Amino acid sequence: MKLSLLAGLTIAAGMSLSACSEKAADSLENAGSAVGNDVSRAVDQAGEKIANGLDDAGRAFDESANDLGAASRNVAQDARREARDARDDAGAAMERAGNDLRHD
C-alpha cells in the first residue's frame, strides 16, 4: 500500500513538474517574442527616422540648388544689363566724339 501511494505521489509530482515546465517554457517563449517585437519596432522606428532625415536633407539640397540657380540667373541678367548699358554708353561717347570732330 505504501508502495502504491509512493508511486502515485511520484507520478503526481512528475505531472506537476511537467506542467510547471510547460508553463515556464510558454512564459519564456512569450518573453522572447515580446523582446523580438520590441527590437523589431525599435529598428523600424530608427529606419523611419533615418529615411525622414535623408528626405529632409534632399529637400534642403534641392532648395539650395534652386536658390543658387535663381541667383545665377539674376547675376547673368545683371551682367547682360551692365554690358548693354556699357555698350550704349560707349556708343553714345563715340557719337559725341564724332560730332565734336565734325564741328572742329
N, C-alpha and C. Protein backbone atom coordinates (compact mmCIF):
# COMPACT_ATOMS: atom_id res chain seq x y z
N MET A 1 0.82 -1.18 0.00
CA MET A 1 0.00 0.00 0.00
C MET A 1 0.87 1.25 0.00
N LYS A 2 1.89 1.20 0.88
CA LYS A 2 2.78 2.34 0.91
C LYS A 2 3.47 2.52 -0.44
N LEU A 3 3.79 1.41 -1.03
CA LEU A 3 4.46 1.46 -2.32
C LEU A 3 3.56 2.06 -3.39
N SER A 4 2.31 1.70 -3.43
CA SER A 4 1.41 2.26 -4.43
C SER A 4 1.13 3.73 -4.14
N LEU A 5 1.07 4.10 -2.85
CA LEU A 5 0.88 5.51 -2.51
C LEU A 5 2.10 6.32 -2.94
N LEU A 6 3.29 5.78 -2.70
CA LEU A 6 4.51 6.45 -3.11
C LEU A 6 4.60 6.56 -4.62
N ALA A 7 4.21 5.53 -5.33
CA ALA A 7 4.21 5.55 -6.79
C ALA A 7 3.23 6.59 -7.30
N GLY A 8 2.04 6.67 -6.67
CA GLY A 8 1.04 7.66 -7.06
C GLY A 8 1.53 9.08 -6.83
N LEU A 9 2.18 9.29 -5.67
CA LEU A 9 2.72 10.63 -5.38
C LEU A 9 3.85 10.98 -6.36
N THR A 10 4.66 10.03 -6.72
CA THR A 10 5.75 10.26 -7.67
C THR A 10 5.19 10.64 -9.04
N ILE A 11 4.16 9.91 -9.46
CA ILE A 11 3.53 10.22 -10.76
C ILE A 11 2.89 11.60 -10.71
N ALA A 12 2.21 11.93 -9.62
CA ALA A 12 1.57 13.24 -9.48
C ALA A 12 2.61 14.34 -9.46
N ALA A 13 3.72 14.12 -8.76
CA ALA A 13 4.80 15.12 -8.72
C ALA A 13 5.41 15.29 -10.10
N GLY A 14 5.58 14.20 -10.80
CA GLY A 14 6.13 14.26 -12.16
C GLY A 14 5.22 15.04 -13.09
N MET A 15 3.92 14.81 -12.97
CA MET A 15 2.97 15.53 -13.82
C MET A 15 2.95 17.01 -13.45
N SER A 16 3.07 17.29 -12.17
CA SER A 16 3.08 18.67 -11.71
C SER A 16 4.32 19.39 -12.23
N LEU A 17 5.48 18.72 -12.17
CA LEU A 17 6.71 19.32 -12.69
C LEU A 17 6.62 19.50 -14.19
N SER A 18 6.00 18.57 -14.86
CA SER A 18 5.85 18.66 -16.31
C SER A 18 4.98 19.87 -16.67
N ALA A 19 3.90 20.08 -15.90
CA ALA A 19 3.03 21.22 -16.15
C ALA A 19 3.76 22.53 -15.87
N CYS A 20 4.57 22.53 -14.79
CA CYS A 20 5.35 23.74 -14.48
C CYS A 20 6.37 24.01 -15.57
N SER A 21 7.01 22.96 -16.08
CA SER A 21 8.00 23.12 -17.14
C SER A 21 7.35 23.68 -18.39
N GLU A 22 6.16 23.19 -18.68
CA GLU A 22 5.45 23.67 -19.87
C GLU A 22 5.07 25.14 -19.71
N LYS A 23 4.62 25.51 -18.51
CA LYS A 23 4.28 26.92 -18.26
C LYS A 23 5.53 27.79 -18.35
N ALA A 24 6.62 27.29 -17.79
CA ALA A 24 7.87 28.04 -17.85
C ALA A 24 8.32 28.19 -19.30
N ALA A 25 8.19 27.13 -20.08
CA ALA A 25 8.59 27.19 -21.49
C ALA A 25 7.71 28.19 -22.23
N ASP A 26 6.40 28.16 -21.97
CA ASP A 26 5.48 29.11 -22.61
C ASP A 26 5.83 30.55 -22.21
N SER A 27 6.11 30.75 -20.92
CA SER A 27 6.47 32.10 -20.46
C SER A 27 7.75 32.58 -21.12
N LEU A 28 8.72 31.68 -21.22
CA LEU A 28 9.98 32.03 -21.86
C LEU A 28 9.77 32.35 -23.34
N GLU A 29 8.94 31.57 -23.99
CA GLU A 29 8.65 31.82 -25.41
C GLU A 29 7.95 33.16 -25.59
N ASN A 30 6.98 33.45 -24.71
CA ASN A 30 6.28 34.74 -24.79
C ASN A 30 7.22 35.91 -24.54
N ALA A 31 8.12 35.74 -23.55
CA ALA A 31 9.08 36.80 -23.25
C ALA A 31 10.01 37.02 -24.45
N GLY A 32 10.48 35.94 -25.05
CA GLY A 32 11.35 36.04 -26.23
C GLY A 32 10.64 36.71 -27.38
N SER A 33 9.39 36.39 -27.58
CA SER A 33 8.60 37.00 -28.64
C SER A 33 8.42 38.49 -28.39
N ALA A 34 8.15 38.86 -27.14
CA ALA A 34 7.99 40.27 -26.79
C ALA A 34 9.29 41.05 -27.02
N VAL A 35 10.42 40.45 -26.64
CA VAL A 35 11.71 41.10 -26.86
C VAL A 35 11.95 41.27 -28.37
N GLY A 36 11.66 40.23 -29.13
CA GLY A 36 11.82 40.30 -30.59
C GLY A 36 10.95 41.39 -31.20
N ASN A 37 9.72 41.49 -30.72
CA ASN A 37 8.82 42.54 -31.23
C ASN A 37 9.34 43.93 -30.88
N ASP A 38 9.85 44.09 -29.65
CA ASP A 38 10.39 45.39 -29.24
C ASP A 38 11.59 45.77 -30.09
N VAL A 39 12.49 44.82 -30.32
CA VAL A 39 13.67 45.09 -31.14
C VAL A 39 13.25 45.44 -32.56
N SER A 40 12.32 44.68 -33.10
CA SER A 40 11.84 44.94 -34.47
C SER A 40 11.22 46.32 -34.58
N ARG A 41 10.42 46.68 -33.61
CA ARG A 41 9.77 48.00 -33.60
C ARG A 41 10.82 49.12 -33.50
N ALA A 42 11.83 48.91 -32.64
CA ALA A 42 12.89 49.92 -32.49
C ALA A 42 13.69 50.08 -33.79
N VAL A 43 13.97 48.97 -34.46
CA VAL A 43 14.70 49.04 -35.73
C VAL A 43 13.85 49.74 -36.79
N ASP A 44 12.56 49.44 -36.83
CA ASP A 44 11.67 50.11 -37.78
C ASP A 44 11.62 51.60 -37.54
N GLN A 45 11.51 51.99 -36.27
CA GLN A 45 11.46 53.42 -35.94
C GLN A 45 12.77 54.11 -36.30
N ALA A 46 13.88 53.45 -36.03
CA ALA A 46 15.18 54.03 -36.39
C ALA A 46 15.29 54.18 -37.90
N GLY A 47 14.82 53.18 -38.63
CA GLY A 47 14.84 53.26 -40.10
C GLY A 47 13.99 54.40 -40.61
N GLU A 48 12.82 54.60 -40.01
CA GLU A 48 11.95 55.71 -40.42
C GLU A 48 12.62 57.05 -40.14
N LYS A 49 13.27 57.17 -38.98
CA LYS A 49 13.94 58.42 -38.65
C LYS A 49 15.08 58.70 -39.63
N ILE A 50 15.82 57.68 -39.98
CA ILE A 50 16.92 57.85 -40.95
C ILE A 50 16.35 58.26 -42.30
N ALA A 51 15.29 57.59 -42.74
CA ALA A 51 14.68 57.92 -44.03
C ALA A 51 14.14 59.34 -44.03
N ASN A 52 13.50 59.73 -42.93
CA ASN A 52 12.98 61.11 -42.84
C ASN A 52 14.12 62.12 -42.87
N GLY A 53 15.21 61.82 -42.17
CA GLY A 53 16.36 62.71 -42.17
C GLY A 53 16.96 62.85 -43.56
N LEU A 54 17.05 61.75 -44.29
CA LEU A 54 17.57 61.80 -45.66
C LEU A 54 16.63 62.58 -46.57
N ASP A 55 15.32 62.40 -46.38
CA ASP A 55 14.35 63.17 -47.17
C ASP A 55 14.50 64.66 -46.90
N ASP A 56 14.64 65.02 -45.63
CA ASP A 56 14.82 66.44 -45.27
C ASP A 56 16.10 67.00 -45.89
N ALA A 57 17.17 66.22 -45.83
CA ALA A 57 18.44 66.67 -46.41
C ALA A 57 18.30 66.84 -47.92
N GLY A 58 17.60 65.92 -48.56
CA GLY A 58 17.38 66.02 -50.01
C GLY A 58 16.59 67.26 -50.37
N ARG A 59 15.55 67.53 -49.58
CA ARG A 59 14.74 68.74 -49.84
C ARG A 59 15.58 70.00 -49.64
N ALA A 60 16.38 70.01 -48.59
CA ALA A 60 17.23 71.18 -48.34
C ALA A 60 18.23 71.36 -49.48
N PHE A 61 18.78 70.27 -49.97
CA PHE A 61 19.72 70.34 -51.09
C PHE A 61 19.03 70.88 -52.34
N ASP A 62 17.82 70.37 -52.61
CA ASP A 62 17.06 70.85 -53.77
C ASP A 62 16.76 72.34 -53.66
N GLU A 63 16.36 72.76 -52.47
CA GLU A 63 16.04 74.18 -52.27
C GLU A 63 17.29 75.04 -52.45
N SER A 64 18.42 74.56 -51.95
CA SER A 64 19.67 75.30 -52.11
C SER A 64 20.05 75.38 -53.59
N ALA A 65 19.89 74.28 -54.29
CA ALA A 65 20.21 74.28 -55.72
C ALA A 65 19.28 75.23 -56.47
N ASN A 66 18.00 75.23 -56.10
CA ASN A 66 17.06 76.16 -56.74
C ASN A 66 17.43 77.60 -56.45
N ASP A 67 17.78 77.88 -55.20
CA ASP A 67 18.20 79.24 -54.82
C ASP A 67 19.46 79.65 -55.58
N LEU A 68 20.40 78.72 -55.68
CA LEU A 68 21.64 79.01 -56.39
C LEU A 68 21.36 79.25 -57.87
N GLY A 69 20.46 78.46 -58.44
CA GLY A 69 20.10 78.65 -59.84
C GLY A 69 19.45 80.00 -60.06
N ALA A 70 18.56 80.39 -59.16
CA ALA A 70 17.90 81.69 -59.28
C ALA A 70 18.92 82.82 -59.14
N ALA A 71 19.83 82.67 -58.19
CA ALA A 71 20.86 83.70 -58.00
C ALA A 71 21.76 83.80 -59.23
N SER A 72 22.10 82.65 -59.81
CA SER A 72 22.94 82.66 -61.02
C SER A 72 22.22 83.33 -62.17
N ARG A 73 20.93 83.05 -62.32
CA ARG A 73 20.15 83.71 -63.39
C ARG A 73 20.12 85.22 -63.16
N ASN A 74 19.96 85.64 -61.91
CA ASN A 74 19.93 87.08 -61.60
C ASN A 74 21.28 87.72 -61.93
N VAL A 75 22.37 87.03 -61.58
CA VAL A 75 23.71 87.57 -61.86
C VAL A 75 23.91 87.68 -63.37
N ALA A 76 23.49 86.67 -64.10
CA ALA A 76 23.64 86.69 -65.56
C ALA A 76 22.82 87.82 -66.17
N GLN A 77 21.60 88.01 -65.69
CA GLN A 77 20.77 89.10 -66.20
C GLN A 77 21.40 90.45 -65.87
N ASP A 78 21.92 90.59 -64.65
CA ASP A 78 22.59 91.84 -64.28
C ASP A 78 23.80 92.09 -65.16
N ALA A 79 24.58 91.03 -65.44
CA ALA A 79 25.78 91.18 -66.27
C ALA A 79 25.39 91.59 -67.70
N ARG A 80 24.34 90.97 -68.24
CA ARG A 80 23.88 91.36 -69.59
C ARG A 80 23.41 92.81 -69.61
N ARG A 81 22.69 93.20 -68.58
CA ARG A 81 22.19 94.57 -68.50
C ARG A 81 23.36 95.56 -68.40
N GLU A 82 24.34 95.23 -67.57
CA GLU A 82 25.52 96.10 -67.44
C GLU A 82 26.29 96.18 -68.75
N ALA A 83 26.46 95.06 -69.43
CA ALA A 83 27.17 95.06 -70.72
C ALA A 83 26.41 95.89 -71.75
N ARG A 84 25.09 95.76 -71.78
CA ARG A 84 24.26 96.55 -72.72
C ARG A 84 24.39 98.04 -72.40
N ASP A 85 24.33 98.38 -71.10
CA ASP A 85 24.47 99.79 -70.71
C ASP A 85 25.86 100.33 -71.08
N ALA A 86 26.90 99.51 -70.85
CA ALA A 86 28.26 99.94 -71.19
C ALA A 86 28.40 100.13 -72.69
N ARG A 87 27.82 99.21 -73.47
CA ARG A 87 27.86 99.34 -74.92
C ARG A 87 27.15 100.60 -75.38
N ASP A 88 25.97 100.85 -74.79
CA ASP A 88 25.22 102.05 -75.15
C ASP A 88 26.00 103.31 -74.77
N ASP A 89 26.61 103.29 -73.58
CA ASP A 89 27.42 104.45 -73.14
C ASP A 89 28.61 104.66 -74.08
N ALA A 90 29.28 103.57 -74.46
CA ALA A 90 30.43 103.69 -75.36
C ALA A 90 29.98 104.20 -76.73
N GLY A 91 28.84 103.70 -77.20
CA GLY A 91 28.31 104.17 -78.49
C GLY A 91 27.96 105.64 -78.43
N ALA A 92 27.35 106.06 -77.34
CA ALA A 92 26.98 107.47 -77.20
C ALA A 92 28.24 108.34 -77.12
N ALA A 93 29.26 107.86 -76.41
CA ALA A 93 30.51 108.62 -76.30
C ALA A 93 31.18 108.73 -77.66
N MET A 94 31.16 107.66 -78.46
CA MET A 94 31.75 107.70 -79.79
C MET A 94 30.98 108.67 -80.69
N GLU A 95 29.67 108.64 -80.55
CA GLU A 95 28.85 109.55 -81.36
C GLU A 95 29.16 111.00 -80.99
N ARG A 96 29.29 111.30 -79.73
CA ARG A 96 29.62 112.67 -79.31
C ARG A 96 31.01 113.07 -79.81
N ALA A 97 31.94 112.11 -79.72
CA ALA A 97 33.31 112.40 -80.19
C ALA A 97 33.29 112.67 -81.68
N GLY A 98 32.52 111.89 -82.42
CA GLY A 98 32.41 112.12 -83.87
C GLY A 98 31.81 113.46 -84.19
N ASN A 99 30.79 113.83 -83.43
CA ASN A 99 30.15 115.13 -83.63
C ASN A 99 31.14 116.25 -83.32
N ASP A 100 31.90 116.06 -82.26
CA ASP A 100 32.89 117.08 -81.89
C ASP A 100 33.94 117.23 -82.98
N LEU A 101 34.35 116.13 -83.58
CA LEU A 101 35.36 116.19 -84.64
C LEU A 101 34.80 116.89 -85.87
N ARG A 102 33.53 116.71 -86.14
CA ARG A 102 32.92 117.36 -87.30
C ARG A 102 32.86 118.86 -87.11
N HIS A 103 32.61 119.26 -85.89
CA HIS A 103 32.45 120.69 -85.63
C HIS A 103 33.78 121.41 -85.47
N ASP A 104 34.82 120.66 -85.33
CA ASP A 104 36.13 121.32 -85.14
C ASP A 104 36.74 121.57 -86.43
